[in-house]
Amino acid sequence: MSEGHLECSASRALMPPGTLIRELDLSDVTVAATVHAVGLRAYAVESDLIGFDGIPALSESLQDMTAQPLRWLAAVTSEGKVAAFVAWQTDSEQSVTHIDRPRPMALC
């Protein structure tokens, strides 16, 4: 394995300089559309990797995605691009948080 390849592999766990973690407001149409597009690309890659095209989010509309009562955090690059995100919902009656839609950053 080349030194550059090892460097790339090791960097996957790190965020690029200037990347911030922030909460997203999906009531903003531009933010929602960006998250939807990033998610579709990520789910398409996942689908290819596992050889299964039945991942529900692949056929989910923007409207369906934003209708869900989820909170969102994203890794946002210094250029303002959403690089990764996670969404969750807390069931306060059962004191349980359900993680939904973790999408990792592809740095290499």
PDB file of N, CA and C in Angstrom:
ATOM      1  N   MET A   1       0.851  -1.179   0.000  1.00  0.00           N
ATOM      2  CA  MET A   1       0.000   0.000   0.000  1.00  0.00           C
ATOM      3  C   MET A   1       0.893   1.238   0.000  1.00  0.00           C
ATOM      4  N   SER A   2       0.605   2.192  -0.827  1.00  0.00           N
ATOM      5  CA  SER A   2       1.440   3.385  -0.909  1.00  0.00           C
ATOM      6  C   SER A   2       1.216   4.287   0.301  1.00  0.00           C
ATOM      7  N   GLU A   3       2.214   5.098   0.567  1.00  0.00           N
ATOM      8  CA  GLU A   3       2.119   6.022   1.694  1.00  0.00           C
ATOM      9  C   GLU A   3       0.925   6.965   1.525  1.00  0.00           C
ATOM     10  N   GLY A   4       0.701   7.442   0.303  1.00  0.00           N
ATOM     11  CA  GLY A   4      -0.434   8.326   0.032  1.00  0.00           C
ATOM     12  C   GLY A   4      -1.758   7.657   0.310  1.00  0.00           C
ATOM     13  N   HIS A   5      -1.835   6.373  -0.018  1.00  0.00           N
ATOM     14  CA  HIS A   5      -3.080   5.650   0.229  1.00  0.00           C
ATOM     15  C   HIS A   5      -3.327   5.502   1.729  1.00  0.00           C
ATOM     16  N   LEU A   6      -2.279   5.203   2.472  1.00  0.00           N
ATOM     17  CA  LEU A   6      -2.428   5.106   3.924  1.00  0.00           C
ATOM     18  C   LEU A   6      -2.856   6.445   4.510  1.00  0.00           C
ATOM     19  N   GLU A   7      -2.277   7.501   3.993  1.00  0.00           N
ATOM     20  CA  GLU A   7      -2.622   8.837   4.453  1.00  0.00           C
ATOM     21  C   GLU A   7      -4.097   9.123   4.211  1.00  0.00           C
ATOM     22  N   CYS A   8      -4.574   8.743   3.037  1.00  0.00           N
ATOM     23  CA  CYS A   8      -5.978   8.964   2.685  1.00  0.00           C
ATOM     24  C   CYS A   8      -6.884   8.155   3.610  1.00  0.00           C
ATOM     25  N   SER A   9      -6.532   6.887   3.835  1.00  0.00           N
ATOM     26  CA  SER A   9      -7.349   6.042   4.691  1.00  0.00           C
ATOM     27  C   SER A   9      -7.407   6.584   6.111  1.00  0.00           C
ATOM     28  N   ALA A  10      -6.277   7.036   6.610  1.00  0.00           N
ATOM     29  CA  ALA A  10      -6.229   7.553   7.970  1.00  0.00           C
ATOM     30  C   ALA A  10      -7.030   8.839   8.094  1.00  0.00           C
ATOM     31  N   SER A  11      -7.093   9.625   7.021  1.00  0.00           N
ATOM     32  CA  SER A  11      -7.781  10.907   7.103  1.00  0.00           C
ATOM     33  C   SER A  11      -9.301  10.761   7.087  1.00  0.00           C
ATOM     34  N   ARG A  12      -9.809   9.619   6.739  1.00  0.00           N
ATOM     35  CA  ARG A  12     -11.268   9.451   6.668  1.00  0.00           C
ATOM     36  C   ARG A  12     -11.951   9.688   8.000  1.00  0.00           C
ATOM     37  N   ALA A  13     -11.256   9.440   9.070  1.00  0.00           N
ATOM     38  CA  ALA A  13     -11.859   9.628  10.387  1.00  0.00           C
ATOM     39  C   ALA A  13     -11.814  11.085  10.832  1.00  0.00           C
ATOM     40  N   LEU A  14     -11.075  11.918  10.106  1.00  0.00           N
ATOM     41  CA  LEU A  14     -10.917  13.309  10.487  1.00  0.00           C
ATOM     42  C   LEU A  14     -11.717  14.206   9.562  1.00  0.00           C
ATOM     43  N   MET A  15     -12.121  15.342  10.080  1.00  0.00           N
ATOM     44  CA  MET A  15     -12.798  16.321   9.243  1.00  0.00           C
ATOM     45  C   MET A  15     -11.760  17.244   8.634  1.00  0.00           C
ATOM     46  N   PRO A  16     -12.006  17.694   7.405  1.00  0.00           N
ATOM     47  CA  PRO A  16     -11.078  18.653   6.806  1.00  0.00           C
ATOM     48  C   PRO A  16     -11.018  19.931   7.640  1.00  0.00           C
ATOM     49  N   PRO A  17      -9.900  20.639   7.592  1.00  0.00           N
ATOM     50  CA  PRO A  17      -9.797  21.905   8.321  1.00  0.00           C
ATOM     51  C   PRO A  17     -10.937  22.851   7.934  1.00  0.00           C
ATOM     52  N   GLY A  18     -11.477  23.530   8.917  1.00  0.00           N
ATOM     53  CA  GLY A  18     -12.545  24.483   8.655  1.00  0.00           C
ATOM     54  C   GLY A  18     -13.941  23.892   8.653  1.00  0.00           C
ATOM     55  N   THR A  19     -14.055  22.568   8.779  1.00  0.00           N
ATOM     56  CA  THR A  19     -15.375  21.928   8.800  1.00  0.00           C
ATOM     57  C   THR A  19     -16.006  22.139  10.172  1.00  0.00           C
ATOM     58  N   LEU A  20     -17.267  22.518  10.158  1.00  0.00           N
ATOM     59  CA  LEU A  20     -17.995  22.764  11.401  1.00  0.00           C
ATOM     60  C   LEU A  20     -19.175  21.806  11.502  1.00  0.00           C
ATOM     61  N   ILE A  21     -19.549  21.475  12.722  1.00  0.00           N
ATOM     62  CA  ILE A  21     -20.759  20.695  12.968  1.00  0.00           C
ATOM     63  C   ILE A  21     -21.819  21.693  13.387  1.00  0.00           C
ATOM     64  N   ARG A  22     -22.953  21.656  12.696  1.00  0.00           N
ATOM     65  CA  ARG A  22     -24.025  22.584  13.078  1.00  0.00           C
ATOM     66  C   ARG A  22     -25.384  21.959  12.813  1.00  0.00           C
ATOM     67  N   GLU A  23     -26.357  22.458  13.546  1.00  0.00           N
ATOM     68  CA  GLU A  23     -27.724  21.985  13.358  1.00  0.00           C
ATOM     69  C   GLU A  23     -28.276  22.591  12.077  1.00  0.00           C
ATOM     70  N   LEU A  24     -29.069  21.805  11.378  1.00  0.00           N
ATOM     71  CA  LEU A  24     -29.668  22.264  10.132  1.00  0.00           C
ATOM     72  C   LEU A  24     -31.143  22.545  10.329  1.00  0.00           C
ATOM     73  N   ASP A  25     -31.637  23.525   9.600  1.00  0.00           N
ATOM     74  CA  ASP A  25     -33.054  23.876   9.606  1.00  0.00           C
ATOM     75  C   ASP A  25     -33.629  23.479   8.257  1.00  0.00           C
ATOM     76  N   LEU A  26     -34.306  22.328   8.217  1.00  0.00           N
ATOM     77  CA  LEU A  26     -34.843  21.841   6.954  1.00  0.00           C
ATOM     78  C   LEU A  26     -36.129  22.546   6.533  1.00  0.00           C
ATOM     79  N   SER A  27     -36.585  23.532   7.319  1.00  0.00           N
ATOM     80  CA  SER A  27     -37.695  24.358   6.828  1.00  0.00           C
ATOM     81  C   SER A  27     -37.179  25.344   5.779  1.00  0.00           C
ATOM     82  N   ASP A  28     -35.859  25.528   5.715  1.00  0.00           N
ATOM     83  CA  ASP A  28     -35.222  26.318   4.661  1.00  0.00           C
ATOM     84  C   ASP A  28     -35.132  25.414   3.430  1.00  0.00           C
ATOM     85  N   VAL A  29     -35.821  25.782   2.364  1.00  0.00           N
ATOM     86  CA  VAL A  29     -35.935  24.942   1.171  1.00  0.00           C
ATOM     87  C   VAL A  29     -34.566  24.639   0.560  1.00  0.00           C
ATOM     88  N   THR A  30     -33.665  25.603   0.551  1.00  0.00           N
ATOM     89  CA  THR A  30     -32.335  25.384  -0.020  1.00  0.00           C
ATOM     90  C   THR A  30     -31.560  24.358   0.796  1.00  0.00           C
ATOM     91  N   VAL A  31     -31.620  24.475   2.116  1.00  0.00           N
ATOM     92  CA  VAL A  31     -30.941  23.526   2.998  1.00  0.00           C
ATOM     93  C   VAL A  31     -31.539  22.135   2.813  1.00  0.00           C
ATOM     94  N   ALA A  32     -32.852  22.044   2.792  1.00  0.00           N
ATOM     95  CA  ALA A  32     -33.525  20.754   2.627  1.00  0.00           C
ATOM     96  C   ALA A  32     -33.153  20.105   1.292  1.00  0.00           C
ATOM     97  N   ALA A  33     -33.154  20.879   0.229  1.00  0.00           N
ATOM     98  CA  ALA A  33     -32.812  20.344  -1.093  1.00  0.00           C
ATOM     99  C   ALA A  33     -31.372  19.853  -1.126  1.00  0.00           C
ATOM    100  N   THR A  34     -30.472  20.572  -0.458  1.00  0.00           N
ATOM    101  CA  THR A  34     -29.066  20.164  -0.394  1.00  0.00           C
ATOM    102  C   THR A  34     -28.923  18.846   0.354  1.00  0.00           C
ATOM    103  N   VAL A  35     -29.563  18.738   1.510  1.00  0.00           N
ATOM    104  CA  VAL A  35     -29.507  17.500   2.301  1.00  0.00           C
ATOM    105  C   VAL A  35     -30.100  16.341   1.509  1.00  0.00           C
ATOM    106  N   HIS A  36     -31.201  16.581   0.836  1.00  0.00           N
ATOM    107  CA  HIS A  36     -31.850  15.541   0.033  1.00  0.00           C
ATOM    108  C   HIS A  36     -30.903  15.056  -1.066  1.00  0.00           C
ATOM    109  N   ALA A  37     -30.254  15.980  -1.764  1.00  0.00           N
ATOM    110  CA  ALA A  37     -29.341  15.611  -2.853  1.00  0.00           C
ATOM    111  C   ALA A  37     -28.126  14.845  -2.332  1.00  0.00           C
ATOM    112  N   VAL A  38     -27.539  15.310  -1.215  1.00  0.00           N
ATOM    113  CA  VAL A  38     -26.394  14.620  -0.616  1.00  0.00           C
ATOM    114  C   VAL A  38     -26.816  13.213  -0.198  1.00  0.00           C
ATOM    115  N   GLY A  39     -27.982  13.112   0.418  1.00  0.00           N
ATOM    116  CA  GLY A  39     -28.481  11.806   0.849  1.00  0.00           C
ATOM    117  C   GLY A  39     -28.706  10.854  -0.309  1.00  0.00           C
ATOM    118  N   LEU A  40     -29.297  11.342  -1.390  1.00  0.00           N
ATOM    119  CA  LEU A  40     -29.527  10.477  -2.553  1.00  0.00           C
ATOM    120  C   LEU A  40     -28.213   9.955  -3.119  1.00  0.00           C
ATOM    121  N   ARG A  41     -27.206  10.827  -3.196  1.00  0.00           N
ATOM    122  CA  ARG A  41     -25.895  10.379  -3.701  1.00  0.00           C
ATOM    123  C   ARG A  41     -25.291   9.332  -2.766  1.00  0.00           C
ATOM    124  N   ALA A  42     -25.378   9.574  -1.476  1.00  0.00           N
ATOM    125  CA  ALA A  42     -24.796   8.642  -0.504  1.00  0.00           C
ATOM    126  C   ALA A  42     -25.534   7.302  -0.514  1.00  0.00           C
ATOM    127  N   TYR A  43     -26.854   7.343  -0.569  1.00  0.00           N
ATOM    128  CA  TYR A  43     -27.617   6.090  -0.603  1.00  0.00           C
ATOM    129  C   TYR A  43     -27.379   5.328  -1.898  1.00  0.00           C
ATOM    130  N   ALA A  44     -27.143   6.026  -3.004  1.00  0.00           N
ATOM    131  CA  ALA A  44     -26.840   5.352  -4.274  1.00  0.00           C
ATOM    132  C   ALA A  44     -25.510   4.605  -4.170  1.00  0.00           C
ATOM    133  N   VAL A  45     -24.509   5.222  -3.540  1.00  0.00           N
ATOM    134  CA  VAL A  45     -23.219   4.558  -3.337  1.00  0.00           C
ATOM    135  C   VAL A  45     -23.404   3.345  -2.428  1.00  0.00           C
ATOM    136  N   GLU A  46     -24.135   3.529  -1.341  1.00  0.00           N
ATOM    137  CA  GLU A  46     -24.396   2.411  -0.418  1.00  0.00           C
ATOM    138  C   GLU A  46     -25.107   1.280  -1.140  1.00  0.00           C
ATOM    139  N   SER A  47     -26.090   1.613  -1.940  1.00  0.00           N
ATOM    140  CA  SER A  47     -26.844   0.627  -2.701  1.00  0.00           C
ATOM    141  C   SER A  47     -25.922  -0.188  -3.612  1.00  0.00           C
ATOM    142  N   ASP A  48     -25.015   0.500  -4.302  1.00  0.00           N
ATOM    143  CA  ASP A  48     -24.055  -0.195  -5.168  1.00  0.00           C
ATOM    144  C   ASP A  48     -23.134  -1.097  -4.363  1.00  0.00           C
ATOM    145  N   LEU A  49     -22.680  -0.610  -3.215  1.00  0.00           N
ATOM    146  CA  LEU A  49     -21.748  -1.387  -2.392  1.00  0.00           C
ATOM    147  C   LEU A  49     -22.374  -2.672  -1.863  1.00  0.00           C
ATOM    148  N   ILE A  50     -23.641  -2.596  -1.469  1.00  0.00           N
ATOM    149  CA  ILE A  50     -24.277  -3.780  -0.885  1.00  0.00           C
ATOM    150  C   ILE A  50     -25.083  -4.582  -1.901  1.00  0.00           C
ATOM    151  N   GLY A  51     -25.211  -4.059  -3.120  1.00  0.00           N
ATOM    152  CA  GLY A  51     -25.930  -4.780  -4.162  1.00  0.00           C
ATOM    153  C   GLY A  51     -27.429  -4.865  -3.913  1.00  0.00           C
ATOM    154  N   PHE A  52     -27.991  -3.809  -3.336  1.00  0.00           N
ATOM    155  CA  PHE A  52     -29.428  -3.791  -3.021  1.00  0.00           C
ATOM    156  C   PHE A  52     -29.969  -2.405  -3.320  1.00  0.00           C
ATOM    157  N   ASP A  53     -30.943  -2.329  -4.219  1.00  0.00           N
ATOM    158  CA  ASP A  53     -31.480  -1.018  -4.603  1.00  0.00           C
ATOM    159  C   ASP A  53     -32.811  -0.697  -3.925  1.00  0.00           C
ATOM    160  N   GLY A  54     -33.152  -1.424  -2.878  1.00  0.00           N
ATOM    161  CA  GLY A  54     -34.417  -1.210  -2.195  1.00  0.00           C
ATOM    162  C   GLY A  54     -34.340  -0.332  -0.960  1.00  0.00           C
ATOM    163  N   ILE A  55     -33.274   0.437  -0.823  1.00  0.00           N
ATOM    164  CA  ILE A  55     -33.147   1.335   0.317  1.00  0.00           C
ATOM    165  C   ILE A  55     -34.261   2.376   0.214  1.00  0.00           C
ATOM    166  N   PRO A  56     -35.145   2.459   1.203  1.00  0.00           N
ATOM    167  CA  PRO A  56     -36.310   3.352   1.103  1.00  0.00           C
ATOM    168  C   PRO A  56     -35.981   4.804   0.769  1.00  0.00           C
ATOM    169  N   ALA A  57     -34.900   5.332   1.322  1.00  0.00           N
ATOM    170  CA  ALA A  57     -34.566   6.745   1.089  1.00  0.00           C
ATOM    171  C   ALA A  57     -34.223   7.039  -0.371  1.00  0.00           C
ATOM    172  N   LEU A  58     -33.881   6.012  -1.156  1.00  0.00           N
ATOM    173  CA  LEU A  58     -33.568   6.235  -2.573  1.00  0.00           C
ATOM    174  C   LEU A  58     -34.786   6.709  -3.366  1.00  0.00           C
ATOM    175  N   SER A  59     -35.958   6.366  -2.903  1.00  0.00           N
ATOM    176  CA  SER A  59     -37.174   6.766  -3.617  1.00  0.00           C
ATOM    177  C   SER A  59     -37.985   7.815  -2.858  1.00  0.00           C
ATOM    178  N   GLU A  60     -37.408   8.343  -1.801  1.00  0.00           N
ATOM    179  CA  GLU A  60     -38.105   9.329  -0.980  1.00  0.00           C
ATOM    180  C   GLU A  60     -38.043  10.718  -1.611  1.00  0.00           C
ATOM    181  N   SER A  61     -39.166  11.386  -1.647  1.00  0.00           N
ATOM    182  CA  SER A  61     -39.208  12.744  -2.183  1.00  0.00           C
ATOM    183  C   SER A  61     -38.703  13.738  -1.135  1.00  0.00           C
ATOM    184  N   LEU A  62     -38.370  14.912  -1.607  1.00  0.00           N
ATOM    185  CA  LEU A  62     -37.963  15.991  -0.709  1.00  0.00           C
ATOM    186  C   LEU A  62     -39.079  16.285   0.287  1.00  0.00           C
ATOM    187  N   GLN A  63     -40.306  16.310  -0.203  1.00  0.00           N
ATOM    188  CA  GLN A  63     -41.458  16.589   0.662  1.00  0.00           C
ATOM    189  C   GLN A  63     -41.605  15.507   1.738  1.00  0.00           C
ATOM    190  N   ASP A  64     -41.437  14.251   1.368  1.00  0.00           N
ATOM    191  CA  ASP A  64     -41.533  13.162   2.345  1.00  0.00           C
ATOM    192  C   ASP A  64     -40.425  13.272   3.401  1.00  0.00           C
ATOM    193  N   MET A  65     -39.219  13.611   2.949  1.00  0.00           N
ATOM    194  CA  MET A  65     -38.103  13.730   3.876  1.00  0.00           C
ATOM    195  C   MET A  65     -38.342  14.846   4.894  1.00  0.00           C
ATOM    196  N   THR A  66     -38.793  15.996   4.421  1.00  0.00           N
ATOM    197  CA  THR A  66     -38.970  17.133   5.322  1.00  0.00           C
ATOM    198  C   THR A  66     -40.221  17.018   6.186  1.00  0.00           C
ATOM    199  N   ALA A  67     -41.121  16.116   5.851  1.00  0.00           N
ATOM    200  CA  ALA A  67     -42.336  15.937   6.646  1.00  0.00           C
ATOM    201  C   ALA A  67     -42.077  15.150   7.932  1.00  0.00           C
ATOM    202  N   GLN A  68     -40.934  14.494   8.018  1.00  0.00           N
ATOM    203  CA  GLN A  68     -40.627  13.690   9.191  1.00  0.00           C
ATOM    204  C   GLN A  68     -40.154  14.583  10.344  1.00  0.00           C
ATOM    205  N   PRO A  69     -40.544  14.246  11.558  1.00  0.00           N
ATOM    206  CA  PRO A  69     -40.180  15.078  12.725  1.00  0.00           C
ATOM    207  C   PRO A  69     -38.763  14.789  13.219  1.00  0.00           C
ATOM    208  N   LEU A  70     -37.779  15.075  12.383  1.00  0.00           N
ATOM    209  CA  LEU A  70     -36.389  14.776  12.711  1.00  0.00           C
ATOM    210  C   LEU A  70     -35.614  16.050  13.015  1.00  0.00           C
ATOM    211  N   ARG A  71     -34.579  15.909  13.840  1.00  0.00           N
ATOM    212  CA  ARG A  71     -33.597  16.983  14.044  1.00  0.00           C
ATOM    213  C   ARG A  71     -32.370  16.577  13.248  1.00  0.00           C
ATOM    214  N   TRP A  72     -31.635  17.570  12.756  1.00  0.00           N
ATOM    215  CA  TRP A  72     -30.527  17.308  11.848  1.00  0.00           C
ATOM    216  C   TRP A  72     -29.257  18.022  12.303  1.00  0.00           C
ATOM    217  N   LEU A  73     -28.126  17.303  12.228  1.00  0.00           N
ATOM    218  CA  LEU A  73     -26.799  17.893  12.401  1.00  0.00           C
ATOM    219  C   LEU A  73     -26.015  17.592  11.131  1.00  0.00           C
ATOM    220  N   ALA A  74     -25.129  18.523  10.763  1.00  0.00           N
ATOM    221  CA  ALA A  74     -24.319  18.303   9.571  1.00  0.00           C
ATOM    222  C   ALA A  74     -22.894  18.746   9.801  1.00  0.00           C
ATOM    223  N   ALA A  75     -21.994  18.100   9.081  1.00  0.00           N
ATOM    224  CA  ALA A  75     -20.619  18.577   8.946  1.00  0.00           C
ATOM    225  C   ALA A  75     -20.648  19.474   7.713  1.00  0.00           C
ATOM    226  N   VAL A  76     -20.333  20.743   7.921  1.00  0.00           N
ATOM    227  CA  VAL A  76     -20.376  21.729   6.842  1.00  0.00           C
ATOM    228  C   VAL A  76     -18.963  22.226   6.599  1.00  0.00           C
ATOM    229  N   THR A  77     -18.520  22.137   5.340  1.00  0.00           N
ATOM    230  CA  THR A  77     -17.158  22.531   4.996  1.00  0.00           C
ATOM    231  C   THR A  77     -16.995  24.047   5.075  1.00  0.00           C
ATOM    232  N   SER A  78     -15.752  24.484   5.017  1.00  0.00           N
ATOM    233  CA  SER A  78     -15.480  25.928   5.048  1.00  0.00           C
ATOM    234  C   SER A  78     -16.072  26.633   3.827  1.00  0.00           C
ATOM    235  N   GLU A  79     -16.370  25.873   2.780  1.00  0.00           N
ATOM    236  CA  GLU A  79     -17.028  26.442   1.586  1.00  0.00           C
ATOM    237  C   GLU A  79     -18.547  26.457   1.724  1.00  0.00           C
ATOM    238  N   GLY A  80     -19.061  25.962   2.855  1.00  0.00           N
ATOM    239  CA  GLY A  80     -20.501  25.965   3.089  1.00  0.00           C
ATOM    240  C   GLY A  80     -21.241  24.755   2.546  1.00  0.00           C
ATOM    241  N   LYS A  81     -20.512  23.714   2.141  1.00  0.00           N
ATOM    242  CA  LYS A  81     -21.151  22.518   1.587  1.00  0.00           C
ATOM    243  C   LYS A  81     -21.415  21.488   2.680  1.00  0.00           C
ATOM    244  N   VAL A  82     -22.581  20.851   2.610  1.00  0.00           N
ATOM    245  CA  VAL A  82     -22.910  19.770   3.539  1.00  0.00           C
ATOM    246  C   VAL A  82     -22.109  18.547   3.098  1.00  0.00           C
ATOM    247  N   ALA A  83     -21.225  18.079   3.977  1.00  0.00           N
ATOM    248  CA  ALA A  83     -20.368  16.946   3.661  1.00  0.00           C
ATOM    249  C   ALA A  83     -20.894  15.648   4.263  1.00  0.00           C
ATOM    250  N   ALA A  84     -21.619  15.743   5.352  1.00  0.00           N
ATOM    251  CA  ALA A  84     -22.164  14.575   6.039  1.00  0.00           C
ATOM    252  C   ALA A  84     -23.282  15.047   6.951  1.00  0.00           C
ATOM    253  N   PHE A  85     -24.171  14.139   7.290  1.00  0.00           N
ATOM    254  CA  PHE A  85     -25.242  14.530   8.205  1.00  0.00           C
ATOM    255  C   PHE A  85     -25.784  13.334   8.956  1.00  0.00           C
ATOM    256  N   VAL A  86     -26.496  13.634  10.009  1.00  0.00           N
ATOM    257  CA  VAL A  86     -27.209  12.635  10.779  1.00  0.00           C
ATOM    258  C   VAL A  86     -28.525  13.276  11.220  1.00  0.00           C
ATOM    259  N   ALA A  87     -29.556  12.468  11.288  1.00  0.00           N
ATOM    260  CA  ALA A  87     -30.855  12.944  11.763  1.00  0.00           C
ATOM    261  C   ALA A  87     -31.321  12.005  12.874  1.00  0.00           C
ATOM    262  N   TRP A  88     -32.108  12.551  13.774  1.00  0.00           N
ATOM    263  CA  TRP A  88     -32.600  11.731  14.876  1.00  0.00           C
ATOM    264  C   TRP A  88     -33.948  12.248  15.355  1.00  0.00           C
ATOM    265  N   GLN A  89     -34.583  11.386  16.121  1.00  0.00           N
ATOM    266  CA  GLN A  89     -35.872  11.713  16.730  1.00  0.00           C
ATOM    267  C   GLN A  89     -35.868  11.134  18.136  1.00  0.00           C
ATOM    268  N   THR A  90     -36.317  11.910  19.098  1.00  0.00           N
ATOM    269  CA  THR A  90     -36.368  11.448  20.476  1.00  0.00           C
ATOM    270  C   THR A  90     -37.808  11.171  20.867  1.00  0.00           C
ATOM    271  N   ASP A  91     -38.017   9.976  21.408  1.00  0.00           N
ATOM    272  CA  ASP A  91     -39.316   9.582  21.938  1.00  0.00           C
ATOM    273  C   ASP A  91     -39.258   9.851  23.441  1.00  0.00           C
ATOM    274  N   SER A  92     -39.786  10.999  23.867  1.00  0.00           N
ATOM    275  CA  SER A  92     -39.660  11.394  25.269  1.00  0.00           C
ATOM    276  C   SER A  92     -40.451  10.489  26.205  1.00  0.00           C
ATOM    277  N   GLU A  93     -41.516   9.873  25.705  1.00  0.00           N
ATOM    278  CA  GLU A  93     -42.306   8.971  26.559  1.00  0.00           C
ATOM    279  C   GLU A  93     -41.499   7.748  26.960  1.00  0.00           C
ATOM    280  N   GLN A  94     -40.671   7.255  26.039  1.00  0.00           N
ATOM    281  CA  GLN A  94     -39.873   6.066  26.325  1.00  0.00           C
ATOM    282  C   GLN A  94     -38.413   6.399  26.617  1.00  0.00           C
ATOM    283  N   SER A  95     -38.077   7.672  26.617  1.00  0.00           N
ATOM    284  CA  SER A  95     -36.689   8.129  26.839  1.00  0.00           C
ATOM    285  C   SER A  95     -35.719   7.433  25.884  1.00  0.00           C
ATOM    286  N   VAL A  96     -36.101   7.402  24.602  1.00  0.00           N
ATOM    287  CA  VAL A  96     -35.297   6.738  23.587  1.00  0.00           C
ATOM    288  C   VAL A  96     -35.045   7.705  22.442  1.00  0.00           C
ATOM    289  N   THR A  97     -33.820   7.704  21.935  1.00  0.00           N
ATOM    290  CA  THR A  97     -33.490   8.485  20.752  1.00  0.00           C
ATOM    291  C   THR A  97     -33.206   7.526  19.613  1.00  0.00           C
ATOM    292  N   HIS A  98     -33.887   7.733  18.497  1.00  0.00           N
ATOM    293  CA  HIS A  98     -33.715   6.902  17.315  1.00  0.00           C
ATOM    294  C   HIS A  98     -32.827   7.650  16.324  1.00  0.00           C
ATOM    295  N   ILE A  99     -31.684   7.060  15.991  1.00  0.00           N
ATOM    296  CA  ILE A  99     -30.795   7.645  15.000  1.00  0.00           C
ATOM    297  C   ILE A  99     -31.341   7.270  13.626  1.00  0.00           C
ATOM    298  N   ASP A 100     -31.423   8.264  12.780  1.00  0.00           N
ATOM    299  CA  ASP A 100     -31.991   8.078  11.443  1.00  0.00           C
ATOM    300  C   ASP A 100     -31.061   8.756  10.455  1.00  0.00           C
ATOM    301  N   ARG A 101     -30.760   8.132   9.375  1.00  0.00           N
ATOM    302  CA  ARG A 101     -30.014   8.743   8.276  1.00  0.00           C
ATOM    303  C   ARG A 101     -28.591   9.178   8.586  1.00  0.00           C
ATOM    304  N   PRO A 102     -27.786   8.343   9.160  1.00  0.00           N
ATOM    305  CA  PRO A 102     -26.373   8.752   9.270  1.00  0.00           C
ATOM    306  C   PRO A 102     -25.726   8.666   7.903  1.00  0.00           C
ATOM    307  N   ARG A 103     -25.131   9.722   7.438  1.00  0.00           N
ATOM    308  CA  ARG A 103     -24.454   9.726   6.137  1.00  0.00           C
ATOM    309  C   ARG A 103     -23.040  10.194   6.354  1.00  0.00           C
ATOM    310  N   PRO A 104     -22.092   9.289   6.174  1.00  0.00           N
ATOM    311  CA  PRO A 104     -20.693   9.646   6.435  1.00  0.00           C
ATOM    312  C   PRO A 104     -20.097  10.551   5.364  1.00  0.00           C
ATOM    313  N   MET A 105     -19.035  11.190   5.754  1.00  0.00           N
ATOM    314  CA  MET A 105     -18.294  12.058   4.860  1.00  0.00           C
ATOM    315  C   MET A 105     -17.381  11.214   3.974  1.00  0.00           C
ATOM    316  N   ALA A 106     -17.323  11.521   2.714  1.00  0.00           N
ATOM    317  CA  ALA A 106     -16.389  10.856   1.804  1.00  0.00           C
ATOM    318  C   ALA A 106     -15.270  11.844   1.512  1.00  0.00           C
ATOM    319  N   LEU A 107     -14.139  11.644   2.143  1.00  0.00           N
ATOM    320  CA  LEU A 107     -13.049  12.604   2.032  1.00  0.00           C
ATOM    321  C   LEU A 107     -12.032  12.241   0.954  1.00  0.00           C
ATOM    322  N   CYS A 108     -11.984  10.986   0.553  1.00  0.00           N
ATOM    323  CA  CYS A 108     -10.950  10.580  -0.403  1.00  0.00           C
ATOM    324  C   CYS A 108     -11.571  10.177  -1.722  1.00  0.00           C
TER     325      CYS A 108
END
